[in-house]
Amino acid sequence: MREMFEKGAYVVYPGHGVGIIEDVKDIKVNGEDQKAYVLRPLKSKTTLIIPVKSARAVGMREVIKSSEADQILELLSKEEEFNNNNLSQPWNQRFRQYTERLNSGSAFEVAKVLNELHLLRNYKKLSFGEKKLMETALRLLAQELAVAKQAEEQEIRKEIQERLP
């Protein structure tokens, strides 16, 4: 089986953000030998073991390119019409939808969630959970854009916050 990612590669694992593949090793799962990635998320002491054959299915992917990072920053600069449907939904329904989008693994979806939550707070007070989601979206996005643009995460975080409408 051909390996998708090599040792030392930076990848994105939904919900955890950017990580580095520390090793590709053989493991046994239900008595079956498989190759697995040993992934260490950045700024975390945890280690994830992800079977190679299920990595794509769980949303593991390469870090976006610098040009895509620029597109995301442009997206954040646009003040889009706020969707009033979000206001009429109960907070727990919005929370569930935002969580699903954050876990999709798409940097563009993470940026949209961040933008929507930022706009939503102009209309109403965010729930504790929504505030945590907004911080998670900012952290995930800043981390990936910093790796993509080979920049410091704090600089990218500041740029993201400056661009939000």
C-alpha atoms as a PDB file:
ATOM      1  CA  MET A   1       0.000   0.000   0.000  1.00  0.00           C
ATOM      2  CA  ARG A   2       1.363   3.405  -1.023  1.00  0.00           C
ATOM      3  CA  GLU A   3       1.732   5.844   1.847  1.00  0.00           C
ATOM      4  CA  MET A   4       0.107   9.248   1.443  1.00  0.00           C
ATOM      5  CA  PHE A   5       2.291  11.179   3.833  1.00  0.00           C
ATOM      6  CA  GLU A   6       5.922  10.807   4.790  1.00  0.00           C
ATOM      7  CA  LYS A   7       7.647  11.146   8.120  1.00  0.00           C
ATOM      8  CA  GLY A   8       8.225  14.832   8.874  1.00  0.00           C
ATOM      9  CA  ALA A   9       5.263  16.042   6.796  1.00  0.00           C
ATOM     10  CA  TYR A  10       2.886  18.655   8.178  1.00  0.00           C
ATOM     11  CA  VAL A  11      -0.754  17.612   7.874  1.00  0.00           C
ATOM     12  CA  VAL A  12      -4.130  18.806   9.126  1.00  0.00           C
ATOM     13  CA  TYR A  13      -6.224  16.507  11.285  1.00  0.00           C
ATOM     14  CA  PRO A  14      -9.783  17.850  11.754  1.00  0.00           C
ATOM     15  CA  GLY A  15     -10.471  19.160  15.216  1.00  0.00           C
ATOM     16  CA  HIS A  16      -6.806  18.957  16.221  1.00  0.00           C
ATOM     17  CA  GLY A  17      -5.297  21.278  13.629  1.00  0.00           C
ATOM     18  CA  VAL A  18      -1.838  21.024  12.143  1.00  0.00           C
ATOM     19  CA  GLY A  19       0.397  18.181  13.205  1.00  0.00           C
ATOM     20  CA  ILE A  20       3.631  16.585  12.149  1.00  0.00           C
ATOM     21  CA  ILE A  21       3.979  12.958  11.149  1.00  0.00           C
ATOM     22  CA  GLU A  22       6.602  11.660  13.556  1.00  0.00           C
ATOM     23  CA  ASP A  23       6.617   8.106  12.215  1.00  0.00           C
ATOM     24  CA  VAL A  24       4.882   5.596   9.990  1.00  0.00           C
ATOM     25  CA  LYS A  25       4.822   2.250  11.719  1.00  0.00           C
ATOM     26  CA  ASP A  26       3.219  -1.176  11.606  1.00  0.00           C
ATOM     27  CA  ILE A  27       0.434  -1.832  14.101  1.00  0.00           C
ATOM     28  CA  LYS A  28      -2.080  -4.607  14.708  1.00  0.00           C
ATOM     29  CA  VAL A  29      -5.773  -3.739  14.553  1.00  0.00           C
ATOM     30  CA  ASN A  30      -8.181  -6.593  15.287  1.00  0.00           C
ATOM     31  CA  GLY A  31      -5.390  -9.048  14.538  1.00  0.00           C
ATOM     32  CA  GLU A  32      -4.650  -7.441  11.160  1.00  0.00           C
ATOM     33  CA  ASP A  33      -1.279  -5.818  10.365  1.00  0.00           C
ATOM     34  CA  GLN A  34      -1.627  -2.233   9.163  1.00  0.00           C
ATOM     35  CA  LYS A  35       0.539   0.804   8.617  1.00  0.00           C
ATOM     36  CA  ALA A  36      -0.289   3.785  10.791  1.00  0.00           C
ATOM     37  CA  TYR A  37       0.778   7.378  11.136  1.00  0.00           C
ATOM     38  CA  VAL A  38       2.104   8.601  14.441  1.00  0.00           C
ATOM     39  CA  LEU A  39       0.864  12.186  14.454  1.00  0.00           C
ATOM     40  CA  ARG A  40       1.784  14.838  16.995  1.00  0.00           C
ATOM     41  CA  PRO A  41      -0.447  17.906  16.815  1.00  0.00           C
ATOM     42  CA  LEU A  42       1.513  21.150  17.113  1.00  0.00           C
ATOM     43  CA  LYS A  43       1.407  22.730  20.556  1.00  0.00           C
ATOM     44  CA  SER A  44       0.129  19.525  22.103  1.00  0.00           C
ATOM     45  CA  LYS A  45       1.737  16.736  24.044  1.00  0.00           C
ATOM     46  CA  THR A  46      -0.721  14.189  22.682  1.00  0.00           C
ATOM     47  CA  THR A  47       0.099  11.654  20.011  1.00  0.00           C
ATOM     48  CA  LEU A  48      -2.473  10.277  17.607  1.00  0.00           C
ATOM     49  CA  ILE A  49      -2.205   6.923  15.846  1.00  0.00           C
ATOM     50  CA  ILE A  50      -4.115   6.964  12.558  1.00  0.00           C
ATOM     51  CA  PRO A  51      -4.277   3.908  10.284  1.00  0.00           C
ATOM     52  CA  VAL A  52      -3.005   4.887   6.836  1.00  0.00           C
ATOM     53  CA  LYS A  53      -5.978   3.303   5.099  1.00  0.00           C
ATOM     54  CA  SER A  54      -8.483   5.434   7.042  1.00  0.00           C
ATOM     55  CA  ALA A  55      -6.545   8.720   7.108  1.00  0.00           C
ATOM     56  CA  ARG A  56      -8.368  10.296   4.157  1.00  0.00           C
ATOM     57  CA  ALA A  57     -11.745   9.037   5.392  1.00  0.00           C
ATOM     58  CA  VAL A  58     -11.286  10.833   8.724  1.00  0.00           C
ATOM     59  CA  GLY A  59     -10.318  14.033   6.895  1.00  0.00           C
ATOM     60  CA  MET A  60      -6.541  14.063   7.291  1.00  0.00           C
ATOM     61  CA  ARG A  61      -5.045  16.204   4.528  1.00  0.00           C
ATOM     62  CA  GLU A  62      -2.081  18.281   3.483  1.00  0.00           C
ATOM     63  CA  VAL A  63      -1.706  21.834   4.747  1.00  0.00           C
ATOM     64  CA  ILE A  64      -3.142  24.339   2.291  1.00  0.00           C
ATOM     65  CA  LYS A  65      -0.844  26.180  -0.099  1.00  0.00           C
ATOM     66  CA  SER A  66       0.233  29.766   0.505  1.00  0.00           C
ATOM     67  CA  SER A  67      -2.038  30.982  -2.328  1.00  0.00           C
ATOM     68  CA  GLU A  68      -5.041  29.327  -0.641  1.00  0.00           C
ATOM     69  CA  ALA A  69      -4.060  30.988   2.633  1.00  0.00           C
ATOM     70  CA  ASP A  70      -4.186  34.337   0.804  1.00  0.00           C
ATOM     71  CA  GLN A  71      -7.683  33.459  -0.494  1.00  0.00           C
ATOM     72  CA  ILE A  72      -8.834  32.711   3.050  1.00  0.00           C
ATOM     73  CA  LEU A  73      -7.467  36.008   4.330  1.00  0.00           C
ATOM     74  CA  GLU A  74      -9.361  37.775   1.529  1.00  0.00           C
ATOM     75  CA  LEU A  75     -12.521  35.856   2.447  1.00  0.00           C
ATOM     76  CA  LEU A  76     -12.200  37.085   6.032  1.00  0.00           C
ATOM     77  CA  SER A  77     -11.937  40.689   4.806  1.00  0.00           C
ATOM     78  CA  LYS A  78     -15.322  40.559   3.087  1.00  0.00           C
ATOM     79  CA  GLU A  79     -18.289  41.661   5.109  1.00  0.00           C
ATOM     80  CA  GLU A  80     -20.994  39.394   3.796  1.00  0.00           C
ATOM     81  CA  GLU A  81     -24.687  39.794   4.358  1.00  0.00           C
ATOM     82  CA  PHE A  82     -25.448  38.210   7.703  1.00  0.00           C
ATOM     83  CA  ASN A  83     -27.816  35.273   7.499  1.00  0.00           C
ATOM     84  CA  ASN A  84     -30.696  36.124   9.839  1.00  0.00           C
ATOM     85  CA  ASN A  85     -31.649  32.432   9.932  1.00  0.00           C
ATOM     86  CA  ASN A  86     -28.739  32.000  12.326  1.00  0.00           C
ATOM     87  CA  LEU A  87     -30.398  34.373  14.781  1.00  0.00           C
ATOM     88  CA  SER A  88     -33.661  32.465  14.826  1.00  0.00           C
ATOM     89  CA  GLN A  89     -32.002  29.094  15.450  1.00  0.00           C
ATOM     90  CA  PRO A  90     -31.519  27.949  19.034  1.00  0.00           C
ATOM     91  CA  TRP A  91     -27.900  28.353  20.185  1.00  0.00           C
ATOM     92  CA  ASN A  92     -27.436  24.572  20.545  1.00  0.00           C
ATOM     93  CA  GLN A  93     -28.478  24.002  16.921  1.00  0.00           C
ATOM     94  CA  ARG A  94     -26.020  26.674  15.734  1.00  0.00           C
ATOM     95  CA  PHE A  95     -23.364  25.144  17.981  1.00  0.00           C
ATOM     96  CA  ARG A  96     -23.880  21.688  16.443  1.00  0.00           C
ATOM     97  CA  GLN A  97     -23.707  23.054  12.881  1.00  0.00           C
ATOM     98  CA  TYR A  98     -20.574  25.065  13.600  1.00  0.00           C
ATOM     99  CA  THR A  99     -18.928  22.072  15.277  1.00  0.00           C
ATOM    100  CA  GLU A 100     -19.639  19.887  12.236  1.00  0.00           C
ATOM    101  CA  ARG A 101     -18.143  22.514   9.952  1.00  0.00           C
ATOM    102  CA  LEU A 102     -15.036  22.891  12.142  1.00  0.00           C
ATOM    103  CA  ASN A 103     -14.589  19.108  12.079  1.00  0.00           C
ATOM    104  CA  SER A 104     -15.000  18.959   8.297  1.00  0.00           C
ATOM    105  CA  GLY A 105     -11.277  19.573   7.943  1.00  0.00           C
ATOM    106  CA  SER A 106     -11.748  22.365   5.387  1.00  0.00           C
ATOM    107  CA  ALA A 107      -9.779  25.525   6.118  1.00  0.00           C
ATOM    108  CA  PHE A 108     -12.374  27.483   4.132  1.00  0.00           C
ATOM    109  CA  GLU A 109     -15.195  26.137   6.344  1.00  0.00           C
ATOM    110  CA  VAL A 110     -13.214  27.014   9.474  1.00  0.00           C
ATOM    111  CA  ALA A 111     -12.779  30.562   8.115  1.00  0.00           C
ATOM    112  CA  LYS A 112     -16.506  30.829   7.368  1.00  0.00           C
ATOM    113  CA  VAL A 113     -17.400  29.670  10.893  1.00  0.00           C
ATOM    114  CA  LEU A 114     -15.026  32.249  12.371  1.00  0.00           C
ATOM    115  CA  ASN A 115     -16.477  34.979  10.161  1.00  0.00           C
ATOM    116  CA  GLU A 116     -20.096  34.026  10.952  1.00  0.00           C
ATOM    117  CA  LEU A 117     -19.493  33.905  14.702  1.00  0.00           C
ATOM    118  CA  HIS A 118     -17.707  37.244  14.539  1.00  0.00           C
ATOM    119  CA  LEU A 119     -20.674  38.769  12.705  1.00  0.00           C
ATOM    120  CA  LEU A 120     -23.189  37.057  15.001  1.00  0.00           C
ATOM    121  CA  ARG A 121     -21.670  38.700  18.057  1.00  0.00           C
ATOM    122  CA  ASN A 122     -22.575  42.079  16.546  1.00  0.00           C
ATOM    123  CA  TYR A 123     -26.253  41.071  16.769  1.00  0.00           C
ATOM    124  CA  LYS A 124     -26.399  39.167  20.031  1.00  0.00           C
ATOM    125  CA  LYS A 125     -24.331  37.966  22.918  1.00  0.00           C
ATOM    126  CA  LEU A 126     -22.584  34.690  22.081  1.00  0.00           C
ATOM    127  CA  SER A 127     -23.141  31.704  24.328  1.00  0.00           C
ATOM    128  CA  PHE A 128     -20.148  30.314  26.216  1.00  0.00           C
ATOM    129  CA  GLY A 129     -19.999  27.420  23.717  1.00  0.00           C
ATOM    130  CA  GLU A 130     -20.082  29.784  20.735  1.00  0.00           C
ATOM    131  CA  LYS A 131     -17.249  31.833  22.236  1.00  0.00           C
ATOM    132  CA  LYS A 132     -15.196  28.637  22.645  1.00  0.00           C
ATOM    133  CA  LEU A 133     -15.969  27.655  19.039  1.00  0.00           C
ATOM    134  CA  MET A 134     -14.858  31.071  17.840  1.00  0.00           C
ATOM    135  CA  GLU A 135     -11.563  30.709  19.712  1.00  0.00           C
ATOM    136  CA  THR A 136     -11.127  27.168  18.350  1.00  0.00           C
ATOM    137  CA  ALA A 137     -11.776  28.378  14.797  1.00  0.00           C
ATOM    138  CA  LEU A 138      -9.254  31.195  15.252  1.00  0.00           C
ATOM    139  CA  ARG A 139      -6.650  28.795  16.686  1.00  0.00           C
ATOM    140  CA  LEU A 140      -7.107  26.188  13.924  1.00  0.00           C
ATOM    141  CA  LEU A 141      -7.033  28.802  11.184  1.00  0.00           C
ATOM    142  CA  ALA A 142      -4.054  30.747  12.542  1.00  0.00           C
ATOM    143  CA  GLN A 143      -2.084  27.539  12.984  1.00  0.00           C
ATOM    144  CA  GLU A 144      -2.667  26.329   9.427  1.00  0.00           C
ATOM    145  CA  LEU A 145      -2.161  29.713   7.768  1.00  0.00           C
ATOM    146  CA  ALA A 146       1.086  30.194   9.694  1.00  0.00           C
ATOM    147  CA  VAL A 147       2.437  26.863   8.425  1.00  0.00           C
ATOM    148  CA  ALA A 148       1.175  27.556   4.877  1.00  0.00           C
ATOM    149  CA  LYS A 149       2.725  31.026   4.763  1.00  0.00           C
ATOM    150  CA  GLN A 150       5.811  30.079   6.800  1.00  0.00           C
ATOM    151  CA  ALA A 151       5.034  32.838   9.278  1.00  0.00           C
ATOM    152  CA  GLU A 152       4.701  33.201  13.031  1.00  0.00           C
ATOM    153  CA  GLU A 153       1.329  32.092  14.347  1.00  0.00           C
ATOM    154  CA  GLN A 154       0.918  35.253  16.454  1.00  0.00           C
ATOM    155  CA  GLU A 155       1.431  37.445  13.357  1.00  0.00           C
ATOM    156  CA  ILE A 156      -1.181  35.482  11.422  1.00  0.00           C
ATOM    157  CA  ARG A 157      -3.598  35.544  14.367  1.00  0.00           C
ATOM    158  CA  LYS A 158      -3.252  39.342  14.511  1.00  0.00           C
ATOM    159  CA  GLU A 159      -3.782  39.648  10.742  1.00  0.00           C
ATOM    160  CA  ILE A 160      -6.910  37.460  10.909  1.00  0.00           C
ATOM    161  CA  GLN A 161      -8.372  39.575  13.722  1.00  0.00           C
ATOM    162  CA  GLU A 162      -7.619  42.795  11.844  1.00  0.00           C
ATOM    163  CA  ARG A 163      -9.378  41.486   8.737  1.00  0.00           C
ATOM    164  CA  LEU A 164     -12.565  40.340  10.433  1.00  0.00           C
ATOM    165  CA  PRO A 165     -15.402  42.805   9.719  1.00  0.00           C
END
